[in-house]
């Protein structure tokens, strides 16, 4: 597995209308860890939070979850993810990758339901970002 370029981390975003889940890779780009679920008040608020995370965590790549239907078609949120990706590209000196996030929230709900403690929507959003990022990291290591 190649190391994340320039030793920088990868940040994943599971964007939603109100809540956004974040996950970050380790320094070697091997594993994903959940960061937080951010309650956004709008696009500018989200970009400000992203800027803070990019600088604080030394991020070189941002993976933006792109919602898709089971058949791969566009659904509500697909366009929103693309607009977010373009805004990030225009504002920060990072690589931006759109990644299919089909089933990440459903898988996160399944994993959390199998556990013994109660969980809320914030837990689902954060774990969905972890699953998205781990899938990206695993796919990159195979290529």
C-alpha atoms as a PDB file:
ATOM      1  CA  UNK A   1       0.000   0.000   0.000  1.00  0.00           C
ATOM      2  CA  UNK A   2       1.341   3.357  -0.937  1.00  0.00           C
ATOM      3  CA  UNK A   3       1.424   5.930   1.798  1.00  0.00           C
ATOM      4  CA  UNK A   4      -0.991   8.853   1.494  1.00  0.00           C
ATOM      5  CA  UNK A   5       0.815  11.375  -0.653  1.00  0.00           C
ATOM      6  CA  UNK A   6       3.082  13.713   1.276  1.00  0.00           C
ATOM      7  CA  UNK A   7       2.126  11.893   4.489  1.00  0.00           C
ATOM      8  CA  UNK A   8      -1.192  13.696   4.624  1.00  0.00           C
ATOM      9  CA  UNK A   9      -4.385  12.158   5.937  1.00  0.00           C
ATOM     10  CA  UNK A  10      -7.632  11.415   4.140  1.00  0.00           C
ATOM     11  CA  UNK A  11     -10.845  12.985   5.469  1.00  0.00           C
ATOM     12  CA  UNK A  12     -14.252  11.516   4.591  1.00  0.00           C
ATOM     13  CA  UNK A  13     -17.558  13.345   4.672  1.00  0.00           C
ATOM     14  CA  UNK A  14     -20.965  11.680   4.839  1.00  0.00           C
ATOM     15  CA  UNK A  15     -23.034  14.747   3.918  1.00  0.00           C
ATOM     16  CA  UNK A  16     -26.636  15.130   4.898  1.00  0.00           C
ATOM     17  CA  UNK A  17     -29.088  17.990   4.935  1.00  0.00           C
ATOM     18  CA  UNK A  18     -28.553  18.890   8.603  1.00  0.00           C
ATOM     19  CA  UNK A  19     -25.933  16.489   9.908  1.00  0.00           C
ATOM     20  CA  UNK A  20     -22.551  15.645   8.413  1.00  0.00           C
ATOM     21  CA  UNK A  21     -20.474  12.678   9.575  1.00  0.00           C
ATOM     22  CA  UNK A  22     -16.670  12.945   9.481  1.00  0.00           C
ATOM     23  CA  UNK A  23     -13.951  10.295   9.578  1.00  0.00           C
ATOM     24  CA  UNK A  24     -10.178  10.552   9.136  1.00  0.00           C
ATOM     25  CA  UNK A  25      -7.453   8.110   8.195  1.00  0.00           C
ATOM     26  CA  UNK A  26      -4.393   7.344  10.253  1.00  0.00           C
ATOM     27  CA  UNK A  27      -1.111   8.879   9.042  1.00  0.00           C
ATOM     28  CA  UNK A  28      -0.332   5.828   6.884  1.00  0.00           C
ATOM     29  CA  UNK A  29      -3.728   5.839   5.176  1.00  0.00           C
ATOM     30  CA  UNK A  30      -4.597   2.338   6.384  1.00  0.00           C
ATOM     31  CA  UNK A  31      -7.464   2.733   8.831  1.00  0.00           C
ATOM     32  CA  UNK A  32     -10.441   5.031   9.304  1.00  0.00           C
ATOM     33  CA  UNK A  33     -11.483   6.543  12.630  1.00  0.00           C
ATOM     34  CA  UNK A  34     -14.701   8.398  13.313  1.00  0.00           C
ATOM     35  CA  UNK A  35     -14.324  12.052  14.207  1.00  0.00           C
ATOM     36  CA  UNK A  36     -17.653  13.701  14.815  1.00  0.00           C
ATOM     37  CA  UNK A  37     -21.089  14.423  13.523  1.00  0.00           C
ATOM     38  CA  UNK A  38     -21.426  18.105  12.723  1.00  0.00           C
ATOM     39  CA  UNK A  39     -24.791  19.867  12.867  1.00  0.00           C
ATOM     40  CA  UNK A  40     -24.525  22.304   9.974  1.00  0.00           C
ATOM     41  CA  UNK A  41     -26.379  25.583   9.627  1.00  0.00           C
ATOM     42  CA  UNK A  42     -25.624  25.783   5.907  1.00  0.00           C
ATOM     43  CA  UNK A  43     -22.927  25.448   3.249  1.00  0.00           C
ATOM     44  CA  UNK A  44     -20.668  28.209   4.567  1.00  0.00           C
ATOM     45  CA  UNK A  45     -20.830  26.786   8.090  1.00  0.00           C
ATOM     46  CA  UNK A  46     -19.805  23.366   6.749  1.00  0.00           C
ATOM     47  CA  UNK A  47     -16.921  24.811   4.694  1.00  0.00           C
ATOM     48  CA  UNK A  48     -15.613  26.657   7.739  1.00  0.00           C
ATOM     49  CA  UNK A  49     -15.657  23.424   9.781  1.00  0.00           C
ATOM     50  CA  UNK A  50     -13.944  21.585   6.922  1.00  0.00           C
ATOM     51  CA  UNK A  51     -11.208  24.218   6.761  1.00  0.00           C
ATOM     52  CA  UNK A  52     -10.535  23.769  10.456  1.00  0.00           C
ATOM     53  CA  UNK A  53     -10.335  19.978  10.137  1.00  0.00           C
ATOM     54  CA  UNK A  54      -8.154  20.096   7.003  1.00  0.00           C
ATOM     55  CA  UNK A  55      -5.616  22.353   8.729  1.00  0.00           C
ATOM     56  CA  UNK A  56      -5.706  20.669  12.142  1.00  0.00           C
ATOM     57  CA  UNK A  57      -5.423  17.103  10.805  1.00  0.00           C
ATOM     58  CA  UNK A  58      -3.050  17.818   7.880  1.00  0.00           C
ATOM     59  CA  UNK A  59      -5.483  16.495   5.275  1.00  0.00           C
ATOM     60  CA  UNK A  60      -4.394  15.976   1.650  1.00  0.00           C
ATOM     61  CA  UNK A  61      -7.497  14.240   0.276  1.00  0.00           C
ATOM     62  CA  UNK A  62     -11.186  14.752   1.015  1.00  0.00           C
ATOM     63  CA  UNK A  63     -13.604  11.957   0.114  1.00  0.00           C
ATOM     64  CA  UNK A  64     -17.176  13.203  -0.287  1.00  0.00           C
ATOM     65  CA  UNK A  65     -19.927  10.595  -0.088  1.00  0.00           C
ATOM     66  CA  UNK A  66     -22.169  10.676  -3.135  1.00  0.00           C
ATOM     67  CA  UNK A  67     -25.611   9.147  -2.528  1.00  0.00           C
ATOM     68  CA  UNK A  68     -26.894   6.851  -5.255  1.00  0.00           C
ATOM     69  CA  UNK A  69     -29.919   4.629  -5.742  1.00  0.00           C
ATOM     70  CA  UNK A  70     -29.412   0.871  -5.522  1.00  0.00           C
ATOM     71  CA  UNK A  71     -29.280   0.776  -9.336  1.00  0.00           C
ATOM     72  CA  UNK A  72     -26.631   3.523  -9.373  1.00  0.00           C
ATOM     73  CA  UNK A  73     -28.862   6.382 -10.474  1.00  0.00           C
ATOM     74  CA  UNK A  74     -28.972   9.846  -8.994  1.00  0.00           C
ATOM     75  CA  UNK A  75     -31.186  10.531  -5.991  1.00  0.00           C
ATOM     76  CA  UNK A  76     -31.834  13.400  -3.618  1.00  0.00           C
ATOM     77  CA  UNK A  77     -28.458  14.437  -2.277  1.00  0.00           C
ATOM     78  CA  UNK A  78     -26.381  13.413  -5.315  1.00  0.00           C
ATOM     79  CA  UNK A  79     -26.307  16.964  -6.667  1.00  0.00           C
ATOM     80  CA  UNK A  80     -25.711  18.400  -3.198  1.00  0.00           C
ATOM     81  CA  UNK A  81     -22.597  16.223  -2.861  1.00  0.00           C
ATOM     82  CA  UNK A  82     -21.281  17.377  -6.225  1.00  0.00           C
ATOM     83  CA  UNK A  83     -21.809  21.033  -5.320  1.00  0.00           C
ATOM     84  CA  UNK A  84     -20.000  20.442  -2.016  1.00  0.00           C
ATOM     85  CA  UNK A  85     -17.086  18.731  -3.803  1.00  0.00           C
ATOM     86  CA  UNK A  86     -16.726  21.689  -6.189  1.00  0.00           C
ATOM     87  CA  UNK A  87     -16.850  24.170  -3.299  1.00  0.00           C
ATOM     88  CA  UNK A  88     -14.086  22.255  -1.503  1.00  0.00           C
ATOM     89  CA  UNK A  89     -11.959  22.163  -4.692  1.00  0.00           C
ATOM     90  CA  UNK A  90     -12.382  25.902  -5.120  1.00  0.00           C
ATOM     91  CA  UNK A  91     -11.490  26.759  -1.564  1.00  0.00           C
ATOM     92  CA  UNK A  92      -8.841  24.308  -0.309  1.00  0.00           C
ATOM     93  CA  UNK A  93      -5.600  22.912  -1.728  1.00  0.00           C
ATOM     94  CA  UNK A  94      -6.665  19.272  -1.386  1.00  0.00           C
ATOM     95  CA  UNK A  95      -7.566  16.443  -3.727  1.00  0.00           C
ATOM     96  CA  UNK A  96     -11.342  15.890  -3.728  1.00  0.00           C
ATOM     97  CA  UNK A  97     -12.864  12.522  -4.595  1.00  0.00           C
ATOM     98  CA  UNK A  98     -16.560  11.696  -4.921  1.00  0.00           C
ATOM     99  CA  UNK A  99     -17.253   8.171  -3.663  1.00  0.00           C
ATOM    100  CA  UNK A 100     -20.380   6.064  -3.983  1.00  0.00           C
ATOM    101  CA  UNK A 101     -21.928   5.857  -0.540  1.00  0.00           C
ATOM    102  CA  UNK A 102     -24.685   3.393  -1.359  1.00  0.00           C
ATOM    103  CA  UNK A 103     -25.642   1.428   1.716  1.00  0.00           C
ATOM    104  CA  UNK A 104     -23.193   3.092   4.159  1.00  0.00           C
ATOM    105  CA  UNK A 105     -25.950   4.492   6.387  1.00  0.00           C
ATOM    106  CA  UNK A 106     -27.919   1.244   6.257  1.00  0.00           C
ATOM    107  CA  UNK A 107     -24.783  -0.768   7.107  1.00  0.00           C
ATOM    108  CA  UNK A 108     -23.966   1.655   9.933  1.00  0.00           C
ATOM    109  CA  UNK A 109     -27.466   1.189  11.364  1.00  0.00           C
ATOM    110  CA  UNK A 110     -27.066  -2.603  11.131  1.00  0.00           C
ATOM    111  CA  UNK A 111     -23.680  -2.561  12.886  1.00  0.00           C
ATOM    112  CA  UNK A 112     -24.913  -0.255  15.638  1.00  0.00           C
ATOM    113  CA  UNK A 113     -28.108  -2.278  16.146  1.00  0.00           C
ATOM    114  CA  UNK A 114     -25.981  -5.389  16.687  1.00  0.00           C
ATOM    115  CA  UNK A 115     -24.238  -3.649  19.604  1.00  0.00           C
ATOM    116  CA  UNK A 116     -25.570  -3.519  23.114  1.00  0.00           C
ATOM    117  CA  UNK A 117     -25.738   0.207  23.726  1.00  0.00           C
ATOM    118  CA  UNK A 118     -28.329   2.617  22.395  1.00  0.00           C
ATOM    119  CA  UNK A 119     -27.371   4.828  19.495  1.00  0.00           C
ATOM    120  CA  UNK A 120     -28.755   7.855  17.723  1.00  0.00           C
ATOM    121  CA  UNK A 121     -28.653   9.401  14.277  1.00  0.00           C
ATOM    122  CA  UNK A 122     -25.351  11.128  15.064  1.00  0.00           C
ATOM    123  CA  UNK A 123     -23.745   7.735  15.687  1.00  0.00           C
ATOM    124  CA  UNK A 124     -25.077   6.472  12.351  1.00  0.00           C
ATOM    125  CA  UNK A 125     -23.714   9.491  10.452  1.00  0.00           C
ATOM    126  CA  UNK A 126     -20.260   9.167  11.997  1.00  0.00           C
ATOM    127  CA  UNK A 127     -20.061   5.410  11.409  1.00  0.00           C
ATOM    128  CA  UNK A 128     -21.291   5.872   7.826  1.00  0.00           C
ATOM    129  CA  UNK A 129     -18.323   8.237   7.260  1.00  0.00           C
ATOM    130  CA  UNK A 130     -15.977   5.604   8.738  1.00  0.00           C
ATOM    131  CA  UNK A 131     -17.379   2.903   6.436  1.00  0.00           C
ATOM    132  CA  UNK A 132     -17.106   5.226   3.421  1.00  0.00           C
ATOM    133  CA  UNK A 133     -13.494   6.080   4.229  1.00  0.00           C
ATOM    134  CA  UNK A 134     -12.442   2.512   4.983  1.00  0.00           C
ATOM    135  CA  UNK A 135     -13.923   1.374   1.678  1.00  0.00           C
ATOM    136  CA  UNK A 136     -11.985   4.116  -0.129  1.00  0.00           C
ATOM    137  CA  UNK A 137      -8.728   3.243   1.654  1.00  0.00           C
ATOM    138  CA  UNK A 138      -9.161  -0.482   0.988  1.00  0.00           C
ATOM    139  CA  UNK A 139      -9.932   0.133  -2.693  1.00  0.00           C
ATOM    140  CA  UNK A 140      -6.900   2.361  -3.096  1.00  0.00           C
ATOM    141  CA  UNK A 141      -4.592  -0.206  -1.544  1.00  0.00           C
ATOM    142  CA  UNK A 142      -5.724  -2.796  -4.131  1.00  0.00           C
ATOM    143  CA  UNK A 143      -5.105  -0.467  -7.065  1.00  0.00           C
END
